[in-house]
Amino acid sequence: MTAGPATEPAPRRTRALSTTADGSPLPTARRRLAGPGLPGDRVTGWLVTAAVTLLAGFLRLWNLGTPHQFAFDETYYAKDGWSLWQHGYAQNWVEDADKAILNGRWSPDLQTGDPTMVVHPDVGKWLIGLGEQLLGFEPLGWRIASAVVGTLMVLVMVRLVRRLTGSTLLGGVAGLLLCLDGLHFVLSRLALLDIFVAFFLLSAVSCLVADRDWTRARLAASADPTRLLLWRPWRLAAGLLFGLAISCKWTALVPLAGFGLLVVLWDTGARRSLGARHAFLRSALVDGVPAFLYLVGVAFVVYLTSWAGWLANADVYEAALARNNYGTYWGDYTKKDPDGFFPSLFQGLRSLWHYHHDVWAFHTMGLDDATHSYQSAPQSWLVMHRPVVVATELDIRPGVQGCEAPSDSTCIREVILLGTPILWWGGVLALFHAVYGWLARRDWRYGVVLVGLLTTWVPFFREADRPIFSFYAIATLPFMIIAICLLLGRLLGPENASTRRRMVGTITAGTFVVLVVLHFAWLWPVYTYDLLSTPEWLDRIWFRSWI
């Protein structure tokens, strides 16, 4: 295994990126353009990936049906997911539906038959509903999709950081840190949408990084700075994944725009290194236009396709929602029944446009006066100032449920959406280092970190006075972990550094990872609804804002 640092190429590399098409060695400048490639320890790399992924899967699947309740917003997404698979669209439910479902008494009578106005796209709910179709309409069923996606996200994390750093060790550390982050762990065990957004975004970025390597290798092999590369399979995959992310929540639109600009800069740098004149203008035309089609065009098609269930039932929405709470009316056309496929499709798309207008009005105006006890300003998210308690059972008396508290005390069960604090606090320091790495050292990898940070976190600042929550930062977490691993690579130092230098770096980096592991283990009970006495619970709740 390559213990290699994030700043130095590993000694064993794949050969494909260092030769021309006929197998002869590349000139020095073209080798730099092609890059070092992936580490040569391919088997070890996959063994490490499998080990970390299996650990993540085991932890996320363990006792997944606990707590046996609708935790936080599961009451919306679990029922919407079930309804999508039953009817093709989300229906309203009767008042006592939650209690009946949890008691195993679901029946069609629990739904009213009227469509409900959902304010997020459907892909995440389709995935939640798929789990319910496979395992039943119960907590295990509506959480299994999140657990699978959270586990796969760990796999993608390992492979991405391994590619970025050229180190299997750092790739494994990245996966382990994501595996043992409390925020990621708990969201992987809840039927909420944010874990799906984070997974699709991370996967899309991973494809863009692979596309960067793929493109530069081909430009280096041809030595032609004007070569037109129209077929970009990794970029196509990224467009599909960005589309799926946006089809879970609109918040993924901003990362699509940010990374779309970044890939044009990457292509510009590749062409400039081969001596292209007016590299930016050339890249904007020969790379930027196809990139727009691959990313924005493909994402739009995916997004529109995700509304197929809505479009198939557009007449139901027109009858129920054409006059709505926002004082708008979709138009008299909704009173007519179109004849034929294309007229029906056109009218459905027209109604879907109006529906989006109303959803936008909800997000921009409908929550202006709303408040929530767990809302928090995004400026505080990265230090985990105000986590969200999603399930709790208070005042469990001694002797009840195995409570062993003193006679004058009680026990408590809780699930809290709290990232492992040491990981996040260390991540904030690593982000400062990432700013230095991109601006001062001109290391392109820190661009991935900072664009990820700016597009998944900063946009929420303008909504700081509305009910938004710290767990939205789950989409920022992977980029923070990348920053941490790049910093750990710097601490480890180059392989030819002195023994003392390597020892100090290894101890420092290892100590941080061990502290994250121990802190996650310490907080395990408040991540998994375990029974704690009140004093034991208070030992883990370090700040009043965590209550």
Protein backbone atom coordinates (compact mmCIF):
# COMPACT_ATOMS: atom_id res chain seq x y z
CA MET A 1 0.00 0.00 0.00
CA THR A 2 1.21 3.46 -0.80
CA ALA A 3 1.37 5.58 2.32
CA GLY A 4 2.22 8.40 0.00
CA PRO A 5 1.49 12.01 0.77
CA ALA A 6 -1.03 14.14 -1.02
CA THR A 7 1.71 16.25 -2.55
CA GLU A 8 4.03 13.64 -3.99
CA PRO A 9 3.39 10.97 -6.65
CA ALA A 10 3.35 7.43 -5.38
CA PRO A 11 6.27 5.27 -6.56
CA ARG A 12 4.12 2.65 -8.29
CA ARG A 13 1.89 4.00 -11.06
CA THR A 14 -0.23 2.70 -13.85
CA ARG A 15 1.59 2.81 -17.20
CA ALA A 16 -1.28 4.04 -19.36
CA LEU A 17 -0.82 7.72 -18.56
CA SER A 18 2.93 7.82 -19.21
CA THR A 19 3.10 6.55 -22.81
CA THR A 20 1.94 7.60 -26.25
CA ALA A 21 -0.45 5.56 -28.35
CA ASP A 22 2.43 3.48 -29.74
CA GLY A 23 3.82 2.76 -26.25
CA SER A 24 6.80 5.10 -26.35
CA PRO A 25 7.50 7.34 -23.34
CA LEU A 26 5.90 10.77 -23.25
CA PRO A 27 8.10 13.89 -23.24
CA THR A 28 8.50 15.49 -19.82
CA ALA A 29 5.97 18.32 -20.37
CA ARG A 30 3.37 15.92 -21.66
CA ARG A 31 3.95 13.56 -18.71
CA ARG A 32 3.19 16.45 -16.38
CA LEU A 33 0.00 17.12 -18.31
CA ALA A 34 -1.08 13.49 -18.17
CA GLY A 35 -0.47 13.39 -14.44
CA PRO A 36 0.77 10.54 -12.31
CA GLY A 37 -2.31 8.32 -12.72
CA LEU A 38 -3.73 6.04 -10.09
CA PRO A 39 -1.58 4.10 -7.62
CA GLY A 40 -0.34 0.79 -8.92
CA ASP A 41 -1.56 -1.20 -5.90
CA ARG A 42 -4.89 -1.95 -7.57
CA VAL A 43 -5.70 -5.13 -5.63
CA THR A 44 -4.80 -3.58 -2.29
CA GLY A 45 -6.81 -0.51 -3.24
CA TRP A 46 -9.95 -2.55 -3.79
CA LEU A 47 -9.38 -4.59 -0.64
CA VAL A 48 -9.15 -1.38 1.41
CA THR A 49 -12.23 -0.02 -0.35
CA ALA A 50 -14.19 -3.19 0.33
CA ALA A 51 -13.15 -3.33 4.00
CA VAL A 52 -14.17 0.27 4.75
CA THR A 53 -17.40 -0.07 2.76
CA LEU A 54 -18.37 -3.28 4.54
CA LEU A 55 -17.75 -1.62 7.90
CA ALA A 56 -19.96 1.29 6.87
CA GLY A 57 -22.69 -1.06 5.69
CA PHE A 58 -22.62 -3.11 8.89
CA LEU A 59 -22.90 -0.02 11.11
CA ARG A 60 -25.70 1.50 9.06
CA LEU A 61 -27.78 -1.66 8.80
CA TRP A 62 -27.42 -2.63 12.46
CA ASN A 63 -30.79 -2.29 14.23
CA LEU A 64 -31.97 -0.03 11.40
CA GLY A 65 -35.64 -0.24 12.37
CA THR A 66 -34.99 1.56 15.67
CA PRO A 67 -36.61 3.84 16.69
CA HIS A 68 -39.96 2.41 15.62
CA GLN A 69 -41.49 5.76 14.71
CA PHE A 70 -41.54 8.47 12.11
CA ALA A 71 -38.40 10.39 13.04
CA PHE A 72 -38.52 14.11 12.19
CA ASP A 73 -39.55 14.62 8.52
CA GLU A 74 -39.81 10.89 7.82
CA THR A 75 -43.54 11.42 8.27
CA TYR A 76 -43.56 13.23 4.90
CA TYR A 77 -41.01 11.37 2.81
CA ALA A 78 -41.86 7.83 3.88
CA LYS A 79 -45.54 8.33 3.12
CA ASP A 80 -44.83 10.18 -0.13
CA GLY A 81 -42.53 7.35 -1.22
CA TRP A 82 -45.21 4.75 -0.54
CA SER A 83 -47.82 6.82 -2.35
CA LEU A 84 -45.62 7.28 -5.43
CA TRP A 85 -45.27 3.52 -5.86
CA GLN A 86 -48.99 2.93 -5.25
CA HIS A 87 -50.46 5.73 -7.37
CA GLY A 88 -47.67 7.47 -9.31
CA TYR A 89 -48.14 10.67 -7.32
CA ALA A 90 -48.20 11.75 -3.68
CA GLN A 91 -51.60 11.72 -2.01
CA ASN A 92 -52.82 13.28 1.22
CA TRP A 93 -53.32 11.09 4.30
CA VAL A 94 -55.94 11.04 7.01
CA GLU A 95 -55.14 12.53 10.41
CA ASP A 96 -54.26 9.34 12.32
CA ALA A 97 -52.36 7.66 9.47
CA ASP A 98 -48.99 7.64 11.27
CA LYS A 99 -50.30 5.66 14.23
CA ALA A 100 -52.04 3.11 12.02
CA ILE A 101 -48.97 2.60 9.83
CA LEU A 102 -46.68 2.06 12.82
CA ASN A 103 -49.15 -0.48 14.20
CA GLY A 104 -49.01 -2.38 10.89
CA ARG A 105 -52.55 -1.44 9.87
CA TRP A 106 -52.02 0.30 6.55
CA SER A 107 -55.00 0.31 4.21
CA PRO A 108 -56.05 2.41 1.18
CA ASP A 109 -58.58 4.15 3.45
CA LEU A 110 -55.67 5.99 5.11
CA GLN A 111 -55.28 8.09 1.95
CA THR A 112 -57.76 10.72 0.84
CA GLY A 113 -57.26 10.33 -2.91
CA ASP A 114 -56.33 14.01 -3.27
CA PRO A 115 -52.82 14.98 -4.41
CA THR A 116 -50.59 16.73 -1.92
CA MET A 117 -48.37 19.62 -2.90
CA VAL A 118 -44.84 18.32 -2.31
CA VAL A 119 -42.10 20.94 -2.30
CA HIS A 120 -39.16 18.73 -3.33
CA PRO A 121 -38.69 16.62 -6.49
CA ASP A 122 -39.44 12.92 -6.42
CA VAL A 123 -36.26 10.83 -6.99
CA GLY A 124 -35.32 10.55 -3.30
CA LYS A 125 -38.89 9.57 -2.45
CA TRP A 126 -39.00 7.01 -5.25
CA LEU A 127 -35.89 5.41 -3.71
CA ILE A 128 -37.41 5.48 -0.23
CA GLY A 129 -40.57 3.92 -1.65
CA LEU A 130 -38.55 1.20 -3.37
CA GLY A 131 -37.27 0.07 0.02
CA GLU A 132 -40.84 0.02 1.30
CA GLN A 133 -41.93 -2.15 -1.61
CA LEU A 134 -39.15 -4.61 -0.85
CA LEU A 135 -39.23 -4.71 2.98
CA GLY A 136 -42.65 -3.36 3.90
CA PHE A 137 -44.24 -0.11 4.98
CA GLU A 138 -42.36 0.11 8.26
CA PRO A 139 -39.24 1.88 9.57
CA LEU A 140 -36.84 -0.74 8.18
CA GLY A 141 -38.47 -0.46 4.77
CA TRP A 142 -38.39 3.31 4.52
CA ARG A 143 -34.81 3.58 5.84
CA ILE A 144 -33.08 0.83 3.86
CA ALA A 145 -32.52 3.01 0.77
CA SER A 146 -30.74 5.64 2.85
CA ALA A 147 -28.54 2.97 4.44
CA VAL A 148 -27.55 1.53 1.07
CA VAL A 149 -26.85 4.95 -0.44
CA GLY A 150 -24.90 6.07 2.64
CA THR A 151 -22.77 2.93 2.38
CA LEU A 152 -22.12 3.46 -1.33
CA MET A 153 -21.14 7.04 -0.58
CA VAL A 154 -18.30 5.73 1.59
CA LEU A 155 -17.11 3.60 -1.35
CA VAL A 156 -17.11 6.63 -3.67
CA MET A 157 -15.24 8.65 -1.05
CA VAL A 158 -12.43 6.10 -0.87
CA ARG A 159 -12.02 5.92 -4.64
CA LEU A 160 -12.16 9.69 -5.16
CA VAL A 161 -9.56 10.56 -2.53
CA ARG A 162 -7.34 7.71 -3.70
CA ARG A 163 -7.44 9.22 -7.19
CA LEU A 164 -6.84 12.77 -5.92
CA THR A 165 -3.91 11.90 -3.68
CA GLY A 166 -2.35 8.90 -5.38
CA SER A 167 -2.47 7.16 -2.00
CA THR A 168 -4.50 4.11 -1.05
CA LEU A 169 -3.83 4.89 2.60
CA LEU A 170 -5.36 8.35 2.37
CA GLY A 171 -8.27 7.00 0.35
CA GLY A 172 -8.97 4.49 3.11
CA VAL A 173 -8.71 7.19 5.77
CA ALA A 174 -11.20 9.35 3.84
CA GLY A 175 -13.70 6.50 3.72
CA LEU A 176 -13.19 5.76 7.40
CA LEU A 177 -13.75 9.39 8.38
CA LEU A 178 -16.99 9.51 6.38
CA CYS A 179 -18.03 6.15 7.80
CA LEU A 180 -17.55 7.39 11.38
CA ASP A 181 -19.07 10.83 11.07
CA GLY A 182 -22.19 11.07 13.20
CA LEU A 183 -24.12 13.29 10.80
CA HIS A 184 -23.53 10.98 7.86
CA PHE A 185 -24.20 7.91 10.02
CA VAL A 186 -27.56 9.13 11.32
CA LEU A 187 -28.75 10.47 7.95
CA SER A 188 -27.88 7.06 6.48
CA ARG A 189 -30.39 5.61 8.95
CA LEU A 190 -33.28 8.00 8.28
CA ALA A 191 -35.71 8.42 5.40
CA LEU A 192 -34.72 12.02 4.62
CA LEU A 193 -33.67 13.39 1.24
CA ASP A 194 -30.32 14.97 2.10
CA ILE A 195 -28.28 11.75 2.06
CA PHE A 196 -29.38 11.13 -1.53
CA VAL A 197 -28.42 14.66 -2.58
CA ALA A 198 -24.98 14.28 -0.97
CA PHE A 199 -24.39 10.88 -2.58
CA PHE A 200 -25.30 11.95 -6.10
CA LEU A 201 -23.26 15.16 -5.80
CA LEU A 202 -20.16 13.33 -4.55
CA SER A 203 -20.51 10.73 -7.30
CA ALA A 204 -20.88 13.46 -9.94
CA VAL A 205 -17.75 15.24 -8.72
CA SER A 206 -15.88 11.94 -8.67
CA CYS A 207 -16.82 11.44 -12.33
CA LEU A 208 -15.60 14.95 -13.19
CA VAL A 209 -12.22 14.24 -11.57
CA ALA A 210 -12.00 10.98 -13.54
CA ASP A 211 -12.92 12.94 -16.68
CA ARG A 212 -10.06 15.35 -15.97
CA ASP A 213 -7.57 12.47 -15.88
CA TRP A 214 -9.14 10.84 -18.93
CA THR A 215 -9.03 14.05 -20.97
CA ARG A 216 -5.50 15.09 -20.04
CA ALA A 217 -4.16 11.63 -20.83
CA ARG A 218 -5.58 11.81 -24.36
CA LEU A 219 -4.39 15.35 -24.97
CA ALA A 220 -0.92 14.39 -23.74
CA ALA A 221 -0.80 11.33 -25.97
CA SER A 222 -1.75 13.35 -29.06
CA ALA A 223 0.25 16.51 -28.19
CA ASP A 224 -2.39 18.47 -30.14
CA PRO A 225 -3.71 21.43 -28.10
CA THR A 226 -6.59 21.89 -30.56
CA ARG A 227 -7.81 18.32 -30.46
CA LEU A 228 -11.60 18.14 -30.18
CA LEU A 229 -12.80 15.63 -27.59
CA LEU A 230 -16.52 15.24 -28.09
CA TRP A 231 -16.98 11.83 -26.49
CA ARG A 232 -16.60 12.29 -22.73
CA PRO A 233 -18.12 9.24 -20.98
CA TRP A 234 -17.20 10.38 -17.48
CA ARG A 235 -18.72 13.80 -18.12
CA LEU A 236 -21.90 12.13 -19.38
CA ALA A 237 -22.07 10.12 -16.16
CA ALA A 238 -21.57 13.32 -14.17
CA GLY A 239 -24.50 14.93 -15.98
CA LEU A 240 -26.73 11.98 -15.13
CA LEU A 241 -25.70 12.14 -11.48
CA PHE A 242 -26.13 15.91 -11.21
CA GLY A 243 -29.59 15.43 -12.69
CA LEU A 244 -30.44 12.85 -10.04
CA ALA A 245 -29.16 15.15 -7.29
CA ILE A 246 -31.32 18.03 -8.53
CA SER A 247 -34.21 15.59 -8.80
CA CYS A 248 -33.93 15.09 -5.04
CA LYS A 249 -33.52 18.76 -4.04
CA TRP A 250 -33.05 21.97 -5.99
CA THR A 251 -30.06 22.86 -3.80
CA ALA A 252 -27.91 20.73 -6.13
CA LEU A 253 -28.32 23.33 -8.90
CA VAL A 254 -25.62 25.56 -7.45
CA PRO A 255 -22.93 22.81 -7.32
CA LEU A 256 -23.78 21.94 -10.93
CA ALA A 257 -23.07 25.54 -11.94
CA GLY A 258 -19.90 25.79 -9.84
CA PHE A 259 -18.32 22.56 -11.04
CA GLY A 260 -19.44 23.29 -14.60
CA LEU A 261 -17.25 26.39 -14.53
CA LEU A 262 -14.41 24.51 -12.85
CA VAL A 263 -14.20 21.84 -15.55
CA VAL A 264 -13.81 24.55 -18.21
CA LEU A 265 -10.87 25.93 -16.22
CA TRP A 266 -9.39 22.44 -16.03
CA ASP A 267 -9.69 22.03 -19.81
CA THR A 268 -8.16 25.48 -20.30
CA GLY A 269 -5.15 24.54 -18.18
CA ALA A 270 -4.67 21.30 -20.11
CA ARG A 271 -4.67 23.04 -23.49
CA ARG A 272 -2.46 25.88 -22.26
CA SER A 273 0.16 23.39 -21.02
CA LEU A 274 0.41 22.06 -24.59
CA GLY A 275 0.99 25.56 -25.96
CA ALA A 276 -2.50 26.47 -27.15
CA ARG A 277 -2.92 30.15 -27.97
CA HIS A 278 -5.91 31.92 -26.42
CA ALA A 279 -6.46 28.78 -24.38
CA PHE A 280 -9.43 30.08 -22.40
CA LEU A 281 -11.40 31.23 -25.44
CA ARG A 282 -10.57 28.04 -27.30
CA SER A 283 -11.55 25.90 -24.35
CA ALA A 284 -14.76 27.87 -23.79
CA LEU A 285 -15.82 26.97 -27.34
CA VAL A 286 -14.48 23.47 -27.97
CA ASP A 287 -14.89 22.24 -24.38
CA GLY A 288 -17.38 24.61 -22.76
CA VAL A 289 -20.25 24.14 -25.20
CA PRO A 290 -20.08 20.31 -25.10
CA ALA A 291 -19.65 20.51 -21.32
CA PHE A 292 -22.87 22.51 -21.07
CA LEU A 293 -24.70 19.86 -23.07
CA TYR A 294 -23.17 16.98 -21.09
CA LEU A 295 -23.83 18.52 -17.69
CA VAL A 296 -26.74 20.97 -17.93
CA GLY A 297 -28.49 19.37 -20.90
CA VAL A 298 -28.30 15.82 -19.58
CA ALA A 299 -29.21 16.94 -16.06
CA PHE A 300 -32.28 18.74 -17.41
CA VAL A 301 -33.46 15.62 -19.26
CA VAL A 302 -32.97 13.52 -16.12
CA TYR A 303 -34.81 16.09 -14.02
CA LEU A 304 -37.75 16.30 -16.39
CA THR A 305 -37.93 12.50 -16.61
CA SER A 306 -38.10 12.30 -12.82
CA TRP A 307 -41.50 14.02 -13.01
CA ALA A 308 -42.97 11.29 -15.21
CA GLY A 309 -45.37 10.19 -12.47
CA TRP A 310 -46.56 13.76 -12.03
CA LEU A 311 -47.06 14.25 -15.77
CA ALA A 312 -48.97 10.99 -16.06
CA ASN A 313 -51.38 12.32 -13.43
CA ALA A 314 -51.35 16.00 -14.39
CA ASP A 315 -55.15 16.07 -14.64
CA VAL A 316 -55.39 15.14 -10.96
CA TYR A 317 -53.17 18.08 -10.00
CA GLU A 318 -55.04 20.43 -12.32
CA ALA A 319 -58.32 19.54 -10.67
CA ALA A 320 -57.02 19.92 -7.12
CA LEU A 321 -54.28 22.53 -7.21
CA ALA A 322 -54.90 24.87 -10.15
CA ARG A 323 -56.35 27.31 -7.62
CA ASN A 324 -53.93 27.37 -4.71
CA ASN A 325 -52.93 29.10 -1.51
CA TYR A 326 -50.59 31.49 -3.32
CA GLY A 327 -53.39 33.39 -5.04
CA THR A 328 -52.48 32.21 -8.53
CA TYR A 329 -54.56 30.38 -11.10
CA TRP A 330 -52.96 28.17 -13.71
CA GLY A 331 -55.46 29.07 -16.44
CA ASP A 332 -58.75 28.09 -18.02
CA TYR A 333 -57.00 25.43 -20.06
CA THR A 334 -57.10 23.18 -16.97
CA LYS A 335 -60.86 22.83 -17.43
CA LYS A 336 -60.37 21.10 -20.77
CA ASP A 337 -59.41 17.51 -21.42
CA PRO A 338 -56.76 17.36 -24.18
CA ASP A 339 -57.17 14.80 -26.93
CA GLY A 340 -54.11 12.76 -27.92
CA PHE A 341 -50.66 12.07 -26.52
CA PHE A 342 -48.82 15.23 -27.57
CA PRO A 343 -51.60 17.68 -26.59
CA SER A 344 -51.78 15.90 -23.21
CA LEU A 345 -48.00 16.10 -22.81
CA PHE A 346 -47.94 19.79 -23.71
CA GLN A 347 -50.72 20.60 -21.25
CA GLY A 348 -49.02 18.49 -18.57
CA LEU A 349 -45.72 20.37 -19.05
CA ARG A 350 -47.61 23.66 -18.88
CA SER A 351 -49.20 22.66 -15.59
CA LEU A 352 -45.87 21.36 -14.29
CA TRP A 353 -44.39 24.81 -14.97
CA HIS A 354 -47.14 26.45 -12.92
CA TYR A 355 -46.61 23.86 -10.19
CA HIS A 356 -42.91 24.75 -10.06
CA HIS A 357 -43.83 28.42 -9.78
CA ASP A 358 -45.95 27.63 -6.72
CA VAL A 359 -43.20 25.48 -5.17
CA TRP A 360 -40.76 28.36 -5.72
CA ALA A 361 -43.21 30.70 -4.03
CA PHE A 362 -43.34 28.33 -1.06
CA HIS A 363 -39.55 28.26 -0.72
CA THR A 364 -39.12 32.01 -1.14
CA MET A 365 -42.22 33.41 0.60
CA GLY A 366 -44.11 30.60 2.29
CA LEU A 367 -41.65 30.22 5.16
CA ASP A 368 -40.98 33.89 5.89
CA ASP A 369 -42.85 33.82 9.20
CA ALA A 370 -42.11 30.22 10.12
CA THR A 371 -39.84 29.19 13.00
CA HIS A 372 -38.49 25.91 14.34
CA SER A 373 -36.81 25.12 17.63
CA TYR A 374 -33.87 23.43 15.86
CA GLN A 375 -33.31 25.92 13.06
CA SER A 376 -29.80 27.34 12.85
CA ALA A 377 -27.82 29.89 10.87
CA PRO A 378 -25.50 28.30 8.29
CA GLN A 379 -22.54 30.25 9.70
CA SER A 380 -22.61 27.84 12.65
CA TRP A 381 -23.08 24.58 10.77
CA LEU A 382 -19.44 23.62 10.29
CA VAL A 383 -18.77 23.73 14.04
CA MET A 384 -21.95 21.78 14.87
CA HIS A 385 -23.38 24.57 17.04
CA ARG A 386 -27.04 23.58 16.79
CA PRO A 387 -27.69 19.94 15.87
CA VAL A 388 -31.17 18.52 15.37
CA VAL A 389 -32.78 15.97 17.70
CA VAL A 390 -34.90 13.75 15.46
CA ALA A 391 -36.22 11.27 18.02
CA THR A 392 -36.33 11.27 21.81
CA GLU A 393 -37.99 9.51 24.74
CA LEU A 394 -37.68 11.34 28.06
CA ASP A 395 -38.29 10.56 31.73
CA ILE A 396 -37.90 6.79 31.58
CA ARG A 397 -38.23 5.74 35.19
CA PRO A 398 -35.73 3.39 36.94
CA GLY A 399 -36.61 -0.24 36.32
CA VAL A 400 -38.50 0.57 33.11
CA GLN A 401 -36.94 -0.66 29.82
CA GLY A 402 -33.86 -1.70 31.79
CA CYS A 403 -33.17 1.80 33.14
CA GLU A 404 -30.57 1.56 35.93
CA ALA A 405 -30.57 5.22 36.93
CA PRO A 406 -30.65 6.15 40.62
CA SER A 407 -34.11 6.31 42.17
CA ASP A 408 -34.13 10.10 42.05
CA SER A 409 -33.12 10.23 38.34
CA THR A 410 -34.40 9.02 34.97
CA CYS A 411 -33.16 7.59 31.67
CA ILE A 412 -33.40 8.91 28.14
CA ARG A 413 -33.26 7.65 24.56
CA GLU A 414 -32.27 10.01 21.75
CA VAL A 415 -31.18 10.24 18.13
CA ILE A 416 -29.34 13.44 17.35
CA LEU A 417 -28.14 14.68 13.96
CA LEU A 418 -24.71 15.71 15.21
CA GLY A 419 -21.54 15.35 13.17
CA THR A 420 -18.60 13.87 15.05
CA PRO A 421 -17.36 17.18 16.51
CA ILE A 422 -13.61 16.50 16.41
CA LEU A 423 -13.90 15.64 12.72
CA TRP A 424 -15.79 18.84 11.90
CA TRP A 425 -13.59 21.08 14.04
CA GLY A 426 -10.49 19.63 12.42
CA GLY A 427 -12.18 20.04 9.05
CA VAL A 428 -12.59 23.79 9.59
CA LEU A 429 -8.81 24.09 10.08
CA ALA A 430 -8.23 21.99 6.97
CA LEU A 431 -10.45 24.32 4.94
CA PHE A 432 -8.20 27.26 5.83
CA HIS A 433 -5.27 25.20 4.59
CA ALA A 434 -7.22 24.46 1.40
CA VAL A 435 -7.54 28.19 0.68
CA TYR A 436 -3.75 28.48 0.98
CA GLY A 437 -3.23 25.39 -1.15
CA TRP A 438 -5.34 26.70 -4.03
CA LEU A 439 -4.27 30.34 -4.00
CA ALA A 440 -0.62 30.08 -2.98
CA ARG A 441 0.41 26.64 -4.19
CA ARG A 442 -1.94 26.55 -7.21
CA ASP A 443 -2.86 22.95 -6.48
CA TRP A 444 -5.96 22.11 -8.53
CA ARG A 445 -7.20 19.56 -5.97
CA TYR A 446 -7.96 22.29 -3.47
CA GLY A 447 -10.20 23.79 -6.12
CA VAL A 448 -12.43 20.72 -5.75
CA VAL A 449 -12.61 21.41 -2.01
CA LEU A 450 -13.35 25.13 -2.25
CA VAL A 451 -15.85 24.94 -5.10
CA GLY A 452 -17.62 22.20 -3.16
CA LEU A 453 -17.64 24.34 -0.03
CA LEU A 454 -18.80 27.51 -1.80
CA THR A 455 -21.63 25.80 -3.68
CA THR A 456 -23.03 23.51 -0.97
CA TRP A 457 -22.76 25.80 2.08
CA VAL A 458 -22.50 29.50 1.21
CA PRO A 459 -25.80 29.70 -0.77
CA PHE A 460 -27.72 29.07 2.47
CA PHE A 461 -26.41 32.29 4.00
CA ARG A 462 -29.11 34.33 2.26
CA GLU A 463 -31.75 32.14 3.97
CA ALA A 464 -30.31 32.38 7.47
CA ASP A 465 -33.49 33.92 8.90
CA ARG A 466 -35.68 30.98 7.80
CA PRO A 467 -36.11 27.47 9.26
CA ILE A 468 -33.02 25.75 7.84
CA PHE A 469 -31.04 23.07 9.62
CA SER A 470 -27.45 22.07 10.26
CA PHE A 471 -27.85 18.65 8.65
CA TYR A 472 -28.04 20.37 5.24
CA ALA A 473 -24.24 20.52 5.60
CA ILE A 474 -24.07 16.80 4.77
CA ALA A 475 -23.40 17.86 1.15
CA THR A 476 -20.41 19.90 2.37
CA LEU A 477 -18.96 17.08 4.49
CA PRO A 478 -17.21 15.15 1.64
CA PHE A 479 -15.30 18.25 0.56
CA MET A 480 -14.25 18.90 4.15
CA ILE A 481 -12.95 15.33 4.37
CA ILE A 482 -11.01 15.80 1.13
CA ALA A 483 -9.44 18.92 2.68
CA ILE A 484 -8.55 16.93 5.80
CA CYS A 485 -6.91 14.14 3.79
CA LEU A 486 -4.89 16.59 1.71
CA LEU A 487 -3.67 18.17 4.93
CA LEU A 488 -2.89 14.78 6.44
CA GLY A 489 -0.86 14.00 3.32
CA ARG A 490 1.11 17.20 3.87
CA LEU A 491 1.71 16.20 7.49
CA LEU A 492 2.99 12.78 6.45
CA GLY A 493 5.44 14.45 4.09
CA PRO A 494 7.27 13.03 1.07
CA GLU A 495 8.61 9.50 1.23
CA ASN A 496 12.20 10.72 1.04
CA ALA A 497 11.76 12.97 4.10
CA SER A 498 13.80 12.34 7.23
CA THR A 499 12.72 9.63 9.65
CA ARG A 500 11.99 12.22 12.32
CA ARG A 501 9.84 14.25 9.90
CA ARG A 502 7.85 11.17 8.87
CA MET A 503 7.44 10.02 12.47
CA VAL A 504 6.11 13.35 13.70
CA GLY A 505 3.75 13.58 10.74
CA THR A 506 2.50 10.03 11.18
CA ILE A 507 1.88 10.49 14.91
CA THR A 508 0.02 13.77 14.32
CA ALA A 509 -2.15 12.43 11.52
CA GLY A 510 -2.75 9.12 13.31
CA THR A 511 -3.74 10.86 16.53
CA PHE A 512 -6.41 12.87 14.72
CA VAL A 513 -7.91 9.76 13.11
CA VAL A 514 -7.89 7.86 16.42
CA LEU A 515 -9.62 10.76 18.19
CA VAL A 516 -12.35 10.77 15.55
CA VAL A 517 -12.87 7.02 16.05
CA LEU A 518 -13.04 7.37 19.82
CA HIS A 519 -15.37 10.36 19.70
CA PHE A 520 -17.75 8.54 17.37
CA ALA A 521 -17.76 5.54 19.73
CA TRP A 522 -18.44 7.84 22.71
CA LEU A 523 -21.44 9.39 20.97
CA TRP A 524 -22.76 6.06 19.65
CA PRO A 525 -25.65 5.88 22.17
CA VAL A 526 -27.11 9.23 21.07
CA TYR A 527 -26.81 8.22 17.44
CA THR A 528 -28.64 4.90 17.87
CA TYR A 529 -31.44 5.49 20.42
CA ASP A 530 -29.60 3.54 23.13
CA LEU A 531 -30.78 3.80 26.73
CA LEU A 532 -28.72 6.22 28.86
CA SER A 533 -29.16 7.52 32.36
CA THR A 534 -29.56 11.29 32.46
CA PRO A 535 -26.02 11.82 33.86
CA GLU A 536 -24.58 9.57 31.11
CA TRP A 537 -26.51 11.55 28.51
CA LEU A 538 -25.28 14.87 29.91
CA ASP A 539 -21.68 13.60 29.68
CA ARG A 540 -22.17 13.45 25.90
CA ILE A 541 -24.11 16.69 25.47
CA TRP A 542 -21.23 19.12 25.83
CA PHE A 543 -23.07 22.35 25.07
CA ARG A 544 -26.47 23.72 25.95
CA SER A 545 -27.13 24.37 22.25
CA TRP A 546 -27.02 20.59 21.67
CA ILE A 547 -30.16 20.03 23.76
